[in-house]
N, C-alpha and C. Protein backbone atom coordinates (compact mmCIF):
# COMPACT_ATOMS: atom_id res chain seq x y z
N UNK A 1 -110.59 47.61 -77.46
CA UNK A 1 -110.34 46.24 -77.86
C UNK A 1 -111.53 45.34 -77.61
N UNK A 2 -112.50 45.82 -76.86
CA UNK A 2 -113.66 44.98 -76.59
C UNK A 2 -114.39 44.71 -77.90
N UNK A 3 -114.75 43.46 -78.11
CA UNK A 3 -115.46 43.09 -79.33
C UNK A 3 -114.56 42.92 -80.53
N UNK A 4 -113.27 43.15 -80.37
CA UNK A 4 -112.33 43.00 -81.48
C UNK A 4 -112.10 41.52 -81.77
N UNK A 5 -112.21 41.15 -83.02
CA UNK A 5 -112.04 39.75 -83.40
C UNK A 5 -110.57 39.39 -83.47
N UNK A 6 -110.21 38.31 -82.79
CA UNK A 6 -108.81 37.86 -82.78
C UNK A 6 -108.53 37.03 -84.02
N UNK A 7 -107.28 37.10 -84.46
CA UNK A 7 -106.81 36.31 -85.60
C UNK A 7 -106.05 35.11 -85.08
N UNK A 8 -106.32 33.95 -85.64
CA UNK A 8 -105.58 32.76 -85.26
C UNK A 8 -104.49 32.54 -86.30
N UNK A 9 -103.24 32.62 -85.83
CA UNK A 9 -102.09 32.52 -86.72
C UNK A 9 -101.19 31.36 -86.34
N UNK A 10 -100.57 30.76 -87.36
CA UNK A 10 -99.46 29.84 -87.12
C UNK A 10 -98.34 30.26 -88.05
N UNK A 11 -97.12 29.92 -87.65
CA UNK A 11 -95.94 30.34 -88.40
C UNK A 11 -95.23 29.11 -88.92
N UNK A 12 -95.15 28.99 -90.24
CA UNK A 12 -94.54 27.82 -90.89
C UNK A 12 -93.06 28.09 -91.10
N UNK A 13 -92.22 27.22 -90.52
CA UNK A 13 -90.77 27.34 -90.65
C UNK A 13 -90.29 26.69 -91.94
N UNK A 14 -89.02 26.89 -92.25
CA UNK A 14 -88.44 26.43 -93.52
C UNK A 14 -88.54 24.93 -93.73
N UNK A 15 -88.62 24.16 -92.66
CA UNK A 15 -88.66 22.69 -92.81
C UNK A 15 -90.09 22.14 -92.74
N UNK A 16 -91.08 23.02 -92.70
CA UNK A 16 -92.47 22.59 -92.68
C UNK A 16 -93.08 22.47 -91.30
N UNK A 17 -92.28 22.64 -90.25
CA UNK A 17 -92.85 22.62 -88.90
C UNK A 17 -93.49 23.96 -88.59
N UNK A 18 -94.37 23.96 -87.60
CA UNK A 18 -95.13 25.17 -87.27
C UNK A 18 -94.88 25.61 -85.84
N UNK A 19 -94.99 26.93 -85.63
CA UNK A 19 -95.08 27.51 -84.29
C UNK A 19 -96.52 28.02 -84.20
N UNK A 20 -97.24 27.58 -83.19
CA UNK A 20 -98.64 27.98 -83.07
C UNK A 20 -99.55 26.84 -83.43
N UNK A 21 -100.81 27.09 -83.60
CA UNK A 21 -101.48 28.39 -83.72
C UNK A 21 -101.76 29.05 -82.37
N UNK A 22 -101.81 30.38 -82.42
CA UNK A 22 -102.19 31.22 -81.29
C UNK A 22 -103.04 32.37 -81.81
N UNK A 23 -103.78 33.01 -80.91
CA UNK A 23 -104.66 34.12 -81.31
C UNK A 23 -104.03 35.46 -80.97
N UNK A 24 -104.18 36.42 -81.91
CA UNK A 24 -103.59 37.75 -81.78
C UNK A 24 -104.62 38.80 -82.18
N UNK A 25 -104.53 39.96 -81.56
CA UNK A 25 -105.39 41.09 -81.90
C UNK A 25 -104.92 41.70 -83.22
N UNK A 26 -105.82 42.29 -84.00
CA UNK A 26 -105.42 42.96 -85.24
C UNK A 26 -104.43 44.11 -85.01
N UNK A 27 -104.37 44.65 -83.78
CA UNK A 27 -103.45 45.74 -83.46
C UNK A 27 -102.04 45.25 -83.14
N UNK A 28 -101.81 43.94 -83.17
CA UNK A 28 -100.49 43.36 -82.89
C UNK A 28 -99.53 43.72 -84.02
N UNK A 29 -98.32 44.16 -83.66
CA UNK A 29 -97.35 44.53 -84.70
C UNK A 29 -96.61 43.30 -85.21
N UNK A 30 -96.10 43.41 -86.41
CA UNK A 30 -95.32 42.33 -87.02
C UNK A 30 -94.03 42.12 -86.23
N UNK A 31 -93.43 43.22 -85.75
CA UNK A 31 -92.23 43.11 -84.92
C UNK A 31 -92.48 42.28 -83.67
N UNK A 32 -93.64 42.47 -83.03
CA UNK A 32 -93.98 41.69 -81.85
C UNK A 32 -94.14 40.21 -82.21
N UNK A 33 -94.78 39.93 -83.35
CA UNK A 33 -94.92 38.54 -83.78
C UNK A 33 -93.56 37.88 -83.98
N UNK A 34 -92.60 38.64 -84.53
CA UNK A 34 -91.26 38.10 -84.72
C UNK A 34 -90.59 37.81 -83.37
N UNK A 35 -90.85 38.66 -82.36
CA UNK A 35 -90.31 38.39 -81.02
C UNK A 35 -90.90 37.10 -80.47
N UNK A 36 -92.18 36.86 -80.70
CA UNK A 36 -92.84 35.62 -80.26
C UNK A 36 -92.18 34.42 -80.96
N UNK A 37 -91.93 34.56 -82.27
CA UNK A 37 -91.30 33.48 -83.02
C UNK A 37 -89.91 33.17 -82.46
N UNK A 38 -89.12 34.22 -82.19
CA UNK A 38 -87.78 34.03 -81.60
C UNK A 38 -87.87 33.29 -80.26
N UNK A 39 -88.82 33.69 -79.43
CA UNK A 39 -88.96 33.10 -78.11
C UNK A 39 -89.39 31.63 -78.18
N UNK A 40 -90.12 31.26 -79.24
CA UNK A 40 -90.63 29.89 -79.36
C UNK A 40 -89.90 29.07 -80.43
N UNK A 41 -88.76 29.58 -80.90
CA UNK A 41 -88.01 28.87 -81.93
C UNK A 41 -87.54 27.51 -81.39
N UNK A 42 -87.79 26.43 -82.12
CA UNK A 42 -87.37 25.10 -81.65
C UNK A 42 -85.86 25.02 -81.43
N UNK A 43 -85.46 24.50 -80.29
CA UNK A 43 -84.05 24.42 -79.93
C UNK A 43 -83.25 23.48 -80.82
N UNK A 44 -83.92 22.52 -81.45
CA UNK A 44 -83.20 21.52 -82.26
C UNK A 44 -82.94 21.98 -83.69
N UNK A 45 -83.32 23.19 -84.07
CA UNK A 45 -83.11 23.69 -85.43
C UNK A 45 -81.70 24.26 -85.56
N UNK A 46 -81.04 23.94 -86.69
CA UNK A 46 -79.68 24.42 -86.93
C UNK A 46 -79.64 25.90 -87.28
N UNK A 47 -80.53 26.34 -88.12
CA UNK A 47 -80.52 27.69 -88.66
C UNK A 47 -81.38 28.62 -87.82
N UNK A 48 -81.00 28.84 -86.56
CA UNK A 48 -81.79 29.67 -85.66
C UNK A 48 -81.48 31.15 -85.86
N UNK A 49 -82.52 31.99 -85.91
CA UNK A 49 -82.29 33.44 -86.01
C UNK A 49 -81.80 33.99 -84.68
N UNK A 50 -81.02 35.07 -84.74
CA UNK A 50 -80.50 35.68 -83.53
C UNK A 50 -81.32 36.90 -83.11
N UNK A 51 -81.86 37.62 -84.10
CA UNK A 51 -82.66 38.82 -83.82
C UNK A 51 -83.89 38.83 -84.74
N UNK A 52 -84.82 39.76 -84.47
CA UNK A 52 -86.00 39.87 -85.34
C UNK A 52 -85.60 40.31 -86.76
N UNK A 53 -84.45 40.96 -86.88
CA UNK A 53 -83.98 41.38 -88.21
C UNK A 53 -83.53 40.21 -89.07
N UNK A 54 -83.31 39.05 -88.44
CA UNK A 54 -82.94 37.85 -89.18
C UNK A 54 -84.16 37.13 -89.75
N UNK A 55 -85.35 37.62 -89.43
CA UNK A 55 -86.59 36.97 -89.86
C UNK A 55 -87.36 37.83 -90.85
N UNK A 56 -88.00 37.16 -91.78
CA UNK A 56 -88.98 37.79 -92.66
C UNK A 56 -90.26 37.00 -92.51
N UNK A 57 -91.38 37.70 -92.36
CA UNK A 57 -92.70 37.06 -92.33
C UNK A 57 -93.39 37.33 -93.65
N UNK A 58 -93.95 36.29 -94.23
CA UNK A 58 -94.62 36.41 -95.52
C UNK A 58 -96.05 35.94 -95.37
N UNK A 59 -96.98 36.77 -95.82
CA UNK A 59 -98.39 36.42 -95.83
C UNK A 59 -98.97 36.80 -97.19
N UNK A 60 -99.59 35.83 -97.84
CA UNK A 60 -100.22 36.05 -99.15
C UNK A 60 -99.23 36.65 -100.15
N UNK A 61 -97.98 36.17 -100.11
CA UNK A 61 -96.98 36.61 -101.07
C UNK A 61 -96.37 37.97 -100.77
N UNK A 62 -96.66 38.53 -99.59
CA UNK A 62 -96.18 39.86 -99.25
C UNK A 62 -95.29 39.79 -98.01
N UNK A 63 -94.11 40.42 -98.09
CA UNK A 63 -93.21 40.51 -96.93
C UNK A 63 -93.77 41.59 -96.00
N UNK A 64 -94.01 41.22 -94.75
CA UNK A 64 -94.64 42.13 -93.79
C UNK A 64 -93.59 42.98 -93.08
N UNK A 65 -93.94 44.25 -92.83
CA UNK A 65 -93.02 45.21 -92.21
C UNK A 65 -93.16 45.21 -90.70
N UNK A 66 -92.03 45.30 -89.99
CA UNK A 66 -92.01 45.22 -88.53
C UNK A 66 -92.90 46.24 -87.84
N UNK A 67 -92.95 47.46 -88.34
CA UNK A 67 -93.66 48.53 -87.64
C UNK A 67 -95.16 48.57 -87.95
N UNK A 68 -95.63 47.70 -88.81
CA UNK A 68 -97.06 47.68 -89.16
C UNK A 68 -97.80 46.67 -88.29
N UNK A 69 -99.10 46.90 -88.13
CA UNK A 69 -99.93 45.95 -87.39
C UNK A 69 -100.49 44.91 -88.36
N UNK A 70 -101.12 43.89 -87.79
CA UNK A 70 -101.76 42.89 -88.63
C UNK A 70 -102.84 43.54 -89.49
N UNK A 71 -103.62 44.44 -88.91
CA UNK A 71 -104.68 45.11 -89.66
C UNK A 71 -104.09 45.97 -90.78
N UNK A 72 -103.03 46.71 -90.49
CA UNK A 72 -102.39 47.56 -91.51
C UNK A 72 -101.74 46.72 -92.60
N UNK A 73 -101.34 45.50 -92.26
CA UNK A 73 -100.71 44.61 -93.24
C UNK A 73 -101.75 43.88 -94.09
N UNK A 74 -103.01 44.22 -93.87
CA UNK A 74 -104.14 43.66 -94.61
C UNK A 74 -104.27 42.15 -94.47
N UNK A 75 -103.93 41.68 -93.28
CA UNK A 75 -104.19 40.27 -92.97
C UNK A 75 -105.70 40.16 -92.87
N UNK A 76 -106.31 39.17 -93.48
CA UNK A 76 -107.77 39.09 -93.59
C UNK A 76 -108.48 38.92 -92.24
N UNK A 77 -108.78 40.06 -91.59
CA UNK A 77 -109.46 40.05 -90.30
C UNK A 77 -110.92 39.67 -90.51
N UNK A 78 -111.34 38.58 -89.89
CA UNK A 78 -112.74 38.18 -89.93
C UNK A 78 -113.18 37.52 -91.22
N UNK A 79 -112.33 37.41 -92.22
CA UNK A 79 -112.72 36.81 -93.49
C UNK A 79 -112.69 35.29 -93.44
N UNK A 80 -111.98 34.73 -92.47
CA UNK A 80 -111.88 33.28 -92.33
C UNK A 80 -112.42 32.87 -90.98
N UNK A 81 -113.73 32.87 -90.81
CA UNK A 81 -114.26 32.53 -89.47
C UNK A 81 -113.82 31.14 -89.06
N UNK A 82 -113.15 31.09 -87.91
CA UNK A 82 -112.68 29.81 -87.40
C UNK A 82 -111.46 29.27 -88.12
N UNK A 83 -110.95 29.99 -89.11
CA UNK A 83 -109.79 29.53 -89.88
C UNK A 83 -108.48 29.98 -89.28
N UNK A 84 -107.43 29.23 -89.58
CA UNK A 84 -106.08 29.57 -89.12
C UNK A 84 -105.31 30.13 -90.30
N UNK A 85 -104.69 31.28 -90.12
CA UNK A 85 -103.87 31.90 -91.16
C UNK A 85 -102.43 31.42 -90.98
N UNK A 86 -101.84 30.91 -92.05
CA UNK A 86 -100.45 30.45 -92.00
C UNK A 86 -99.55 31.52 -92.59
N UNK A 87 -98.57 31.96 -91.81
CA UNK A 87 -97.56 32.90 -92.29
C UNK A 87 -96.25 32.13 -92.42
N UNK A 88 -95.52 32.41 -93.47
CA UNK A 88 -94.25 31.72 -93.71
C UNK A 88 -93.11 32.53 -93.13
N UNK A 89 -92.17 31.82 -92.49
CA UNK A 89 -91.02 32.45 -91.85
C UNK A 89 -89.77 32.11 -92.66
N UNK A 90 -89.03 33.15 -93.05
CA UNK A 90 -87.77 32.97 -93.77
C UNK A 90 -86.67 33.52 -92.88
N UNK A 91 -85.59 32.76 -92.74
CA UNK A 91 -84.46 33.16 -91.88
C UNK A 91 -83.32 33.64 -92.76
N UNK A 92 -82.76 34.79 -92.39
CA UNK A 92 -81.61 35.35 -93.10
C UNK A 92 -80.40 34.44 -92.86
N UNK A 93 -79.62 34.16 -93.91
CA UNK A 93 -78.41 33.35 -93.74
C UNK A 93 -77.46 34.01 -92.73
N UNK A 94 -76.65 33.23 -92.01
CA UNK A 94 -75.81 33.76 -90.94
C UNK A 94 -74.72 34.72 -91.38
N UNK A 95 -74.24 34.65 -92.61
CA UNK A 95 -73.17 35.53 -93.07
C UNK A 95 -73.69 36.94 -93.28
N UNK A 96 -72.81 37.94 -93.10
CA UNK A 96 -73.24 39.33 -93.25
C UNK A 96 -72.67 40.00 -94.50
N UNK A 97 -72.04 39.24 -95.40
CA UNK A 97 -71.50 39.88 -96.60
C UNK A 97 -72.62 40.18 -97.60
N UNK A 98 -72.32 41.06 -98.55
CA UNK A 98 -73.33 41.53 -99.50
C UNK A 98 -73.91 40.40 -100.35
N UNK A 99 -73.11 39.41 -100.73
CA UNK A 99 -73.61 38.31 -101.54
C UNK A 99 -74.68 37.50 -100.82
N UNK A 100 -74.52 37.31 -99.51
CA UNK A 100 -75.52 36.53 -98.78
C UNK A 100 -76.84 37.29 -98.69
N UNK A 101 -76.79 38.62 -98.60
CA UNK A 101 -78.02 39.41 -98.59
C UNK A 101 -78.74 39.24 -99.92
N UNK A 102 -78.00 39.27 -101.03
CA UNK A 102 -78.61 39.05 -102.33
C UNK A 102 -79.20 37.66 -102.44
N UNK A 103 -78.50 36.65 -101.91
CA UNK A 103 -79.03 35.29 -101.93
C UNK A 103 -80.30 35.20 -101.09
N UNK A 104 -80.35 35.91 -99.97
CA UNK A 104 -81.50 35.92 -99.09
C UNK A 104 -82.71 36.51 -99.84
N UNK A 105 -82.50 37.65 -100.49
CA UNK A 105 -83.59 38.27 -101.24
C UNK A 105 -84.05 37.37 -102.37
N UNK A 106 -83.12 36.68 -103.04
CA UNK A 106 -83.49 35.74 -104.10
C UNK A 106 -84.30 34.59 -103.55
N UNK A 107 -83.92 34.09 -102.37
CA UNK A 107 -84.66 32.99 -101.75
C UNK A 107 -86.09 33.41 -101.44
N UNK A 108 -86.25 34.64 -100.95
CA UNK A 108 -87.59 35.12 -100.64
C UNK A 108 -88.44 35.14 -101.90
N UNK A 109 -87.87 35.62 -103.00
CA UNK A 109 -88.62 35.66 -104.25
C UNK A 109 -89.04 34.27 -104.67
N UNK A 110 -88.16 33.30 -104.56
CA UNK A 110 -88.49 31.93 -104.92
C UNK A 110 -89.57 31.39 -103.97
N UNK A 111 -89.43 31.66 -102.67
CA UNK A 111 -90.39 31.15 -101.69
C UNK A 111 -91.79 31.70 -101.94
N UNK A 112 -91.88 32.94 -102.37
CA UNK A 112 -93.18 33.56 -102.61
C UNK A 112 -93.88 32.93 -103.80
N UNK A 113 -93.15 32.64 -104.84
CA UNK A 113 -93.77 32.21 -106.08
C UNK A 113 -93.85 30.72 -106.26
N UNK A 114 -93.31 29.91 -105.36
CA UNK A 114 -93.39 28.45 -105.52
C UNK A 114 -94.72 27.95 -105.09
């Protein structure tokens, strides 16, 4: 890890507020980032996630996978010297029926392309 360039990330929530920015190693997993988001979720938000599975992280229009690292997810390591990378956070609706999952996936599609 010596000499490894850290990435400065912030996480944009659905209402436009941010968690971060903080610096992370390229070897950091997406699942770990979601745990950080859960731990720092603002207490005054109504739609709070309960687990990392309730969260989706989106970077450059791509939904990131929990088991991948930032480097494996092709987050631009070193391409933005001194820049902060903004990742968008989408929260799964609280209901567990099949229709809400479809609505969640539709929302992600809209969020990516807007």
